Amino acid sequence: MSKAITVWLDDEAEQALGLLESTGLGEATAVRNAIIEAAAHTSVRTLVSDPDALEQALGKSHELAAEILATQRPPR
């Protein structure tokens, strides 16, 4: 299921989005990737006390990074 959201950007966030878009990402993809990455980092911080859970979270993070690199290569 998809959900549309509205995001109001301050100057810093707008500059960051511009940087991501300059790599060839569309607005929606850049925001989606940022949300997923932020959630992964949040999960990792809460799992530091559980080494097995941390290892699983890092594996998922690496899989996500590989997927993004494979599907969203910047133009050369």
PDB file of N, CA and C in Angstrom:
ATOM      1  N   MET A   1       0.838  -1.170   0.000  1.00  0.00           N
ATOM      2  CA  MET A   1       0.000   0.000   0.000  1.00  0.00           C
ATOM      3  C   MET A   1       0.889   1.240   0.000  1.00  0.00           C
ATOM      4  N   SER A   2       0.526   2.215  -0.791  1.00  0.00           N
ATOM      5  CA  SER A   2       1.271   3.468  -0.856  1.00  0.00           C
ATOM      6  C   SER A   2       0.544   4.548  -0.079  1.00  0.00           C
ATOM      7  N   LYS A   3       1.317   5.502   0.421  1.00  0.00           N
ATOM      8  CA  LYS A   3       0.746   6.613   1.168  1.00  0.00           C
ATOM      9  C   LYS A   3       1.447   7.880   0.722  1.00  0.00           C
ATOM     10  N   ALA A   4       0.690   8.870   0.336  1.00  0.00           N
ATOM     11  CA  ALA A   4       1.257  10.161  -0.050  1.00  0.00           C
ATOM     12  C   ALA A   4       1.393  11.026   1.192  1.00  0.00           C
ATOM     13  N   ILE A   5       2.500  11.772   1.269  1.00  0.00           N
ATOM     14  CA  ILE A   5       2.711  12.695   2.381  1.00  0.00           C
ATOM     15  C   ILE A   5       3.142  14.046   1.830  1.00  0.00           C
ATOM     16  N   THR A   6       2.993  15.065   2.632  1.00  0.00           N
ATOM     17  CA  THR A   6       3.472  16.394   2.301  1.00  0.00           C
ATOM     18  C   THR A   6       4.616  16.711   3.250  1.00  0.00           C
ATOM     19  N   VAL A   7       5.703  17.215   2.710  1.00  0.00           N
ATOM     20  CA  VAL A   7       6.875  17.527   3.518  1.00  0.00           C
ATOM     21  C   VAL A   7       7.251  18.984   3.293  1.00  0.00           C
ATOM     22  N   TRP A   8       7.378  19.722   4.384  1.00  0.00           N
ATOM     23  CA  TRP A   8       7.838  21.105   4.306  1.00  0.00           C
ATOM     24  C   TRP A   8       9.321  21.110   4.630  1.00  0.00           C
ATOM     25  N   LEU A   9      10.127  21.594   3.723  1.00  0.00           N
ATOM     26  CA  LEU A   9      11.579  21.555   3.880  1.00  0.00           C
ATOM     27  C   LEU A   9      12.119  22.900   4.342  1.00  0.00           C
ATOM     28  N   ASP A  10      13.023  22.861   5.319  1.00  0.00           N
ATOM     29  CA  ASP A  10      13.766  24.069   5.668  1.00  0.00           C
ATOM     30  C   ASP A  10      14.927  24.175   4.682  1.00  0.00           C
ATOM     31  N   ASP A  11      15.734  25.221   4.811  1.00  0.00           N
ATOM     32  CA  ASP A  11      16.828  25.438   3.855  1.00  0.00           C
ATOM     33  C   ASP A  11      17.809  24.268   3.821  1.00  0.00           C
ATOM     34  N   GLU A  12      18.159  23.750   4.985  1.00  0.00           N
ATOM     35  CA  GLU A  12      19.127  22.651   5.055  1.00  0.00           C
ATOM     36  C   GLU A  12      18.585  21.396   4.358  1.00  0.00           C
ATOM     37  N   ALA A  13      17.328  21.076   4.618  1.00  0.00           N
ATOM     38  CA  ALA A  13      16.717  19.896   3.999  1.00  0.00           C
ATOM     39  C   ALA A  13      16.563  20.093   2.494  1.00  0.00           C
ATOM     40  N   GLU A  14      16.233  21.295   2.080  1.00  0.00           N
ATOM     41  CA  GLU A  14      16.086  21.580   0.649  1.00  0.00           C
ATOM     42  C   GLU A  14      17.429  21.434  -0.075  1.00  0.00           C
ATOM     43  N   GLN A  15      18.500  21.893   0.541  1.00  0.00           N
ATOM     44  CA  GLN A  15      19.836  21.743  -0.048  1.00  0.00           C
ATOM     45  C   GLN A  15      20.218  20.267  -0.130  1.00  0.00           C
ATOM     46  N   ALA A  16      19.919  19.510   0.913  1.00  0.00           N
ATOM     47  CA  ALA A  16      20.231  18.082   0.919  1.00  0.00           C
ATOM     48  C   ALA A  16      19.448  17.355  -0.179  1.00  0.00           C
ATOM     49  N   LEU A  17      18.177  17.700  -0.333  1.00  0.00           N
ATOM     50  CA  LEU A  17      17.369  17.089  -1.389  1.00  0.00           C
ATOM     51  C   LEU A  17      17.936  17.444  -2.758  1.00  0.00           C
ATOM     52  N   GLY A  18      18.356  18.676  -2.924  1.00  0.00           N
ATOM     53  CA  GLY A  18      18.971  19.086  -4.190  1.00  0.00           C
ATOM     54  C   GLY A  18      20.224  18.284  -4.499  1.00  0.00           C
ATOM     55  N   LEU A  19      21.016  18.016  -3.474  1.00  0.00           N
ATOM     56  CA  LEU A  19      22.229  17.214  -3.653  1.00  0.00           C
ATOM     57  C   LEU A  19      21.870  15.800  -4.095  1.00  0.00           C
ATOM     58  N   LEU A  20      20.877  15.199  -3.458  1.00  0.00           N
ATOM     59  CA  LEU A  20      20.441  13.851  -3.844  1.00  0.00           C
ATOM     60  C   LEU A  20      19.884  13.848  -5.262  1.00  0.00           C
ATOM     61  N   GLU A  21      19.115  14.863  -5.612  1.00  0.00           N
ATOM     62  CA  GLU A  21      18.561  14.939  -6.961  1.00  0.00           C
ATOM     63  C   GLU A  21      19.651  15.111  -8.014  1.00  0.00           C
ATOM     64  N   SER A  22      20.748  15.769  -7.642  1.00  0.00           N
ATOM     65  CA  SER A  22      21.844  15.965  -8.596  1.00  0.00           C
ATOM     66  C   SER A  22      22.533  14.645  -8.954  1.00  0.00           C
ATOM     67  N   THR A  23      22.296  13.603  -8.164  1.00  0.00           N
ATOM     68  CA  THR A  23      22.862  12.288  -8.474  1.00  0.00           C
ATOM     69  C   THR A  23      21.951  11.493  -9.405  1.00  0.00           C
ATOM     70  N   GLY A  24      20.798  12.071  -9.739  1.00  0.00           N
ATOM     71  CA  GLY A  24      19.884  11.393 -10.644  1.00  0.00           C
ATOM     72  C   GLY A  24      18.642  10.842  -9.967  1.00  0.00           C
ATOM     73  N   LEU A  25      18.568  10.955  -8.653  1.00  0.00           N
ATOM     74  CA  LEU A  25      17.375  10.479  -7.949  1.00  0.00           C
ATOM     75  C   LEU A  25      16.234  11.458  -8.139  1.00  0.00           C
ATOM     76  N   GLY A  26      15.032  10.946  -8.238  1.00  0.00           N
ATOM     77  CA  GLY A  26      13.846  11.795  -8.240  1.00  0.00           C
ATOM     78  C   GLY A  26      13.507  12.193  -6.822  1.00  0.00           C
ATOM     79  N   GLU A  27      12.667  13.192  -6.683  1.00  0.00           N
ATOM     80  CA  GLU A  27      12.273  13.674  -5.363  1.00  0.00           C
ATOM     81  C   GLU A  27      11.709  12.561  -4.487  1.00  0.00           C
ATOM     82  N   ALA A  28      10.733  11.836  -5.019  1.00  0.00           N
ATOM     83  CA  ALA A  28      10.069  10.801  -4.236  1.00  0.00           C
ATOM     84  C   ALA A  28      11.043   9.707  -3.816  1.00  0.00           C
ATOM     85  N   THR A  29      11.913   9.293  -4.721  1.00  0.00           N
ATOM     86  CA  THR A  29      12.883   8.239  -4.413  1.00  0.00           C
ATOM     87  C   THR A  29      13.877   8.714  -3.364  1.00  0.00           C
ATOM     88  N   ALA A  30      14.345   9.939  -3.490  1.00  0.00           N
ATOM     89  CA  ALA A  30      15.302  10.485  -2.524  1.00  0.00           C
ATOM     90  C   ALA A  30      14.697  10.541  -1.126  1.00  0.00           C
ATOM     91  N   VAL A  31      13.454  11.008  -1.026  1.00  0.00           N
ATOM     92  CA  VAL A  31      12.794  11.101   0.278  1.00  0.00           C
ATOM     93  C   VAL A  31      12.542   9.708   0.836  1.00  0.00           C
ATOM     94  N   ARG A  32      12.064   8.784  -0.013  1.00  0.00           N
ATOM     95  CA  ARG A  32      11.808   7.409   0.427  1.00  0.00           C
ATOM     96  C   ARG A  32      13.084   6.773   0.964  1.00  0.00           C
ATOM     97  N   ASN A  33      14.180   6.883   0.204  1.00  0.00           N
ATOM     98  CA  ASN A  33      15.455   6.299   0.630  1.00  0.00           C
ATOM     99  C   ASN A  33      15.930   6.902   1.952  1.00  0.00           C
ATOM    100  N   ALA A  34      15.754   8.209   2.108  1.00  0.00           N
ATOM    101  CA  ALA A  34      16.188   8.873   3.338  1.00  0.00           C
ATOM    102  C   ALA A  34      15.384   8.384   4.540  1.00  0.00           C
ATOM    103  N   ILE A  35      14.086   8.183   4.365  1.00  0.00           N
ATOM    104  CA  ILE A  35      13.249   7.689   5.460  1.00  0.00           C
ATOM    105  C   ILE A  35      13.669   6.280   5.851  1.00  0.00           C
ATOM    106  N   ILE A  36      13.889   5.432   4.859  1.00  0.00           N
ATOM    107  CA  ILE A  36      14.294   4.045   5.133  1.00  0.00           C
ATOM    108  C   ILE A  36      15.652   4.020   5.822  1.00  0.00           C
ATOM    109  N   GLU A  37      16.590   4.829   5.353  1.00  0.00           N
ATOM    110  CA  GLU A  37      17.921   4.866   5.969  1.00  0.00           C
ATOM    111  C   GLU A  37      17.856   5.391   7.402  1.00  0.00           C
ATOM    112  N   ALA A  38      17.062   6.416   7.630  1.00  0.00           N
ATOM    113  CA  ALA A  38      16.920   6.958   8.987  1.00  0.00           C
ATOM    114  C   ALA A  38      16.333   5.908   9.930  1.00  0.00           C
ATOM    115  N   ALA A  39      15.349   5.163   9.449  1.00  0.00           N
ATOM    116  CA  ALA A  39      14.754   4.111  10.277  1.00  0.00           C
ATOM    117  C   ALA A  39      15.767   3.017  10.582  1.00  0.00           C
ATOM    118  N   ALA A  40      16.579   2.664   9.596  1.00  0.00           N
ATOM    119  CA  ALA A  40      17.601   1.635   9.805  1.00  0.00           C
ATOM    120  C   ALA A  40      18.604   2.093  10.854  1.00  0.00           C
ATOM    121  N   HIS A  41      19.016   3.355  10.800  1.00  0.00           N
ATOM    122  CA  HIS A  41      19.966   3.873  11.782  1.00  0.00           C
ATOM    123  C   HIS A  41      19.342   3.920  13.176  1.00  0.00           C
ATOM    124  N   THR A  42      18.075   4.279  13.254  1.00  0.00           N
ATOM    125  CA  THR A  42      17.386   4.315  14.534  1.00  0.00           C
ATOM    126  C   THR A  42      17.302   2.915  15.129  1.00  0.00           C
ATOM    127  N   SER A  43      16.966   1.938  14.291  1.00  0.00           N
ATOM    128  CA  SER A  43      16.879   0.552  14.754  1.00  0.00           C
ATOM    129  C   SER A  43      18.222   0.054  15.248  1.00  0.00           C
ATOM    130  N   VAL A  44      19.282   0.397  14.532  1.00  0.00           N
ATOM    131  CA  VAL A  44      20.617  -0.055  14.922  1.00  0.00           C
ATOM    132  C   VAL A  44      20.980   0.500  16.290  1.00  0.00           C
ATOM    133  N   ARG A  45      20.684   1.760  16.536  1.00  0.00           N
ATOM    134  CA  ARG A  45      21.010   2.353  17.835  1.00  0.00           C
ATOM    135  C   ARG A  45      20.300   1.645  18.972  1.00  0.00           C
ATOM    136  N   THR A  46      19.059   1.223  18.755  1.00  0.00           N
ATOM    137  CA  THR A  46      18.318   0.564  19.828  1.00  0.00           C
ATOM    138  C   THR A  46      18.742  -0.888  20.007  1.00  0.00           C
ATOM    139  N   LEU A  47      19.445  -1.465  19.025  1.00  0.00           N
ATOM    140  CA  LEU A  47      19.832  -2.863  19.082  1.00  0.00           C
ATOM    141  C   LEU A  47      21.279  -3.085  19.525  1.00  0.00           C
ATOM    142  N   VAL A  48      21.991  -2.012  19.846  1.00  0.00           N
ATOM    143  CA  VAL A  48      23.403  -2.142  20.182  1.00  0.00           C
ATOM    144  C   VAL A  48      23.626  -3.092  21.356  1.00  0.00           C
ATOM    145  N   SER A  49      22.697  -3.179  22.262  1.00  0.00           N
ATOM    146  CA  SER A  49      22.881  -4.061  23.412  1.00  0.00           C
ATOM    147  C   SER A  49      22.671  -5.533  23.059  1.00  0.00           C
ATOM    148  N   ASP A  50      22.156  -5.827  21.861  1.00  0.00           N
ATOM    149  CA  ASP A  50      21.922  -7.205  21.419  1.00  0.00           C
ATOM    150  C   ASP A  50      22.788  -7.477  20.186  1.00  0.00           C
ATOM    151  N   PRO A  51      23.955  -8.099  20.350  1.00  0.00           N
ATOM    152  CA  PRO A  51      24.890  -8.291  19.231  1.00  0.00           C
ATOM    153  C   PRO A  51      24.287  -9.036  18.045  1.00  0.00           C
ATOM    154  N   ASP A  52      23.455 -10.041  18.279  1.00  0.00           N
ATOM    155  CA  ASP A  52      22.847 -10.783  17.174  1.00  0.00           C
ATOM    156  C   ASP A  52      21.883  -9.899  16.387  1.00  0.00           C
ATOM    157  N   ALA A  53      21.090  -9.114  17.093  1.00  0.00           N
ATOM    158  CA  ALA A  53      20.155  -8.210  16.437  1.00  0.00           C
ATOM    159  C   ALA A  53      20.913  -7.131  15.668  1.00  0.00           C
ATOM    160  N   LEU A  54      22.011  -6.658  16.242  1.00  0.00           N
ATOM    161  CA  LEU A  54      22.832  -5.656  15.567  1.00  0.00           C
ATOM    162  C   LEU A  54      23.404  -6.221  14.272  1.00  0.00           C
ATOM    163  N   GLU A  55      23.901  -7.443  14.309  1.00  0.00           N
ATOM    164  CA  GLU A  55      24.449  -8.079  13.114  1.00  0.00           C
ATOM    165  C   GLU A  55      23.382  -8.205  12.022  1.00  0.00           C
ATOM    166  N   GLN A  56      22.169  -8.588  12.405  1.00  0.00           N
ATOM    167  CA  GLN A  56      21.069  -8.693  11.436  1.00  0.00           C
ATOM    168  C   GLN A  56      20.731  -7.323  10.850  1.00  0.00           C
ATOM    169  N   ALA A  57      20.684  -6.296  11.681  1.00  0.00           N
ATOM    170  CA  ALA A  57      20.359  -4.952  11.215  1.00  0.00           C
ATOM    171  C   ALA A  57      21.421  -4.450  10.247  1.00  0.00           C
ATOM    172  N   LEU A  58      22.685  -4.701  10.548  1.00  0.00           N
ATOM    173  CA  LEU A  58      23.754  -4.274   9.646  1.00  0.00           C
ATOM    174  C   LEU A  58      23.663  -5.005   8.318  1.00  0.00           C
ATOM    175  N   GLY A  59      23.331  -6.281   8.353  1.00  0.00           N
ATOM    176  CA  GLY A  59      23.161  -7.042   7.117  1.00  0.00           C
ATOM    177  C   GLY A  59      22.059  -6.456   6.255  1.00  0.00           C
ATOM    178  N   LYS A  60      20.935  -6.098   6.879  1.00  0.00           N
ATOM    179  CA  LYS A  60      19.831  -5.484   6.137  1.00  0.00           C
ATOM    180  C   LYS A  60      20.245  -4.136   5.572  1.00  0.00           C
ATOM    181  N   SER A  61      21.010  -3.373   6.339  1.00  0.00           N
ATOM    182  CA  SER A  61      21.475  -2.071   5.876  1.00  0.00           C
ATOM    183  C   SER A  61      22.369  -2.223   4.652  1.00  0.00           C
ATOM    184  N   HIS A  62      23.254  -3.218   4.685  1.00  0.00           N
ATOM    185  CA  HIS A  62      24.135  -3.458   3.536  1.00  0.00           C
ATOM    186  C   HIS A  62      23.334  -3.910   2.321  1.00  0.00           C
ATOM    187  N   GLU A  63      22.309  -4.751   2.543  1.00  0.00           N
ATOM    188  CA  GLU A  63      21.455  -5.189   1.435  1.00  0.00           C
ATOM    189  C   GLU A  63      20.741  -3.993   0.816  1.00  0.00           C
ATOM    190  N   LEU A  64      20.225  -3.091   1.649  1.00  0.00           N
ATOM    191  CA  LEU A  64      19.538  -1.905   1.153  1.00  0.00           C
ATOM    192  C   LEU A  64      20.491  -1.028   0.353  1.00  0.00           C
ATOM    193  N   ALA A  65      21.699  -0.824   0.864  1.00  0.00           N
ATOM    194  CA  ALA A  65      22.685  -0.010   0.146  1.00  0.00           C
ATOM    195  C   ALA A  65      23.022  -0.632  -1.207  1.00  0.00           C
ATOM    196  N   ALA A  66      23.197  -1.944  -1.238  1.00  0.00           N
ATOM    197  CA  ALA A  66      23.503  -2.626  -2.501  1.00  0.00           C
ATOM    198  C   ALA A  66      22.350  -2.488  -3.483  1.00  0.00           C
ATOM    199  N   GLU A  67      21.123  -2.596  -2.982  1.00  0.00           N
ATOM    200  CA  GLU A  67      19.948  -2.451  -3.844  1.00  0.00           C
ATOM    201  C   GLU A  67      19.874  -1.042  -4.426  1.00  0.00           C
ATOM    202  N   ILE A  68      20.114  -0.045  -3.596  1.00  0.00           N
ATOM    203  CA  ILE A  68      20.075   1.348  -4.064  1.00  0.00           C
ATOM    204  C   ILE A  68      21.152   1.575  -5.113  1.00  0.00           C
ATOM    205  N   LEU A  69      22.354   1.089  -4.862  1.00  0.00           N
ATOM    206  CA  LEU A  69      23.440   1.267  -5.820  1.00  0.00           C
ATOM    207  C   LEU A  69      23.159   0.554  -7.140  1.00  0.00           C
ATOM    208  N   ALA A  70      22.535  -0.595  -7.069  1.00  0.00           N
ATOM    209  CA  ALA A  70      22.255  -1.366  -8.277  1.00  0.00           C
ATOM    210  C   ALA A  70      21.152  -0.733  -9.119  1.00  0.00           C
ATOM    211  N   THR A  71      20.204  -0.065  -8.465  1.00  0.00           N
ATOM    212  CA  THR A  71      19.058   0.467  -9.209  1.00  0.00           C
ATOM    213  C   THR A  71      19.104   1.966  -9.420  1.00  0.00           C
ATOM    214  N   GLN A  72      19.933   2.671  -8.682  1.00  0.00           N
ATOM    215  CA  GLN A  72      19.944   4.139  -8.752  1.00  0.00           C
ATOM    216  C   GLN A  72      21.341   4.683  -9.001  1.00  0.00           C
ATOM    217  N   ARG A  73      22.052   4.109  -9.947  1.00  0.00           N
ATOM    218  CA  ARG A  73      23.395   4.613 -10.240  1.00  0.00           C
ATOM    219  C   ARG A  73      23.321   6.039 -10.776  1.00  0.00           C
ATOM    220  N   PRO A  74      24.183   6.931 -10.282  1.00  0.00           N
ATOM    221  CA  PRO A  74      24.187   8.313 -10.785  1.00  0.00           C
ATOM    222  C   PRO A  74      24.679   8.351 -12.233  1.00  0.00           C
ATOM    223  N   PRO A  75      24.203   9.326 -13.011  1.00  0.00           N
ATOM    224  CA  PRO A  75      24.658   9.443 -14.404  1.00  0.00           C
ATOM    225  C   PRO A  75      26.144   9.802 -14.450  1.00  0.00           C
ATOM    226  N   ARG A  76      26.816   9.329 -15.466  1.00  0.00           N
ATOM    227  CA  ARG A  76      28.258   9.619 -15.598  1.00  0.00           C
ATOM    228  C   ARG A  76      28.496  10.687 -16.624  1.00  0.00           C
TER     229      ARG A  76
END
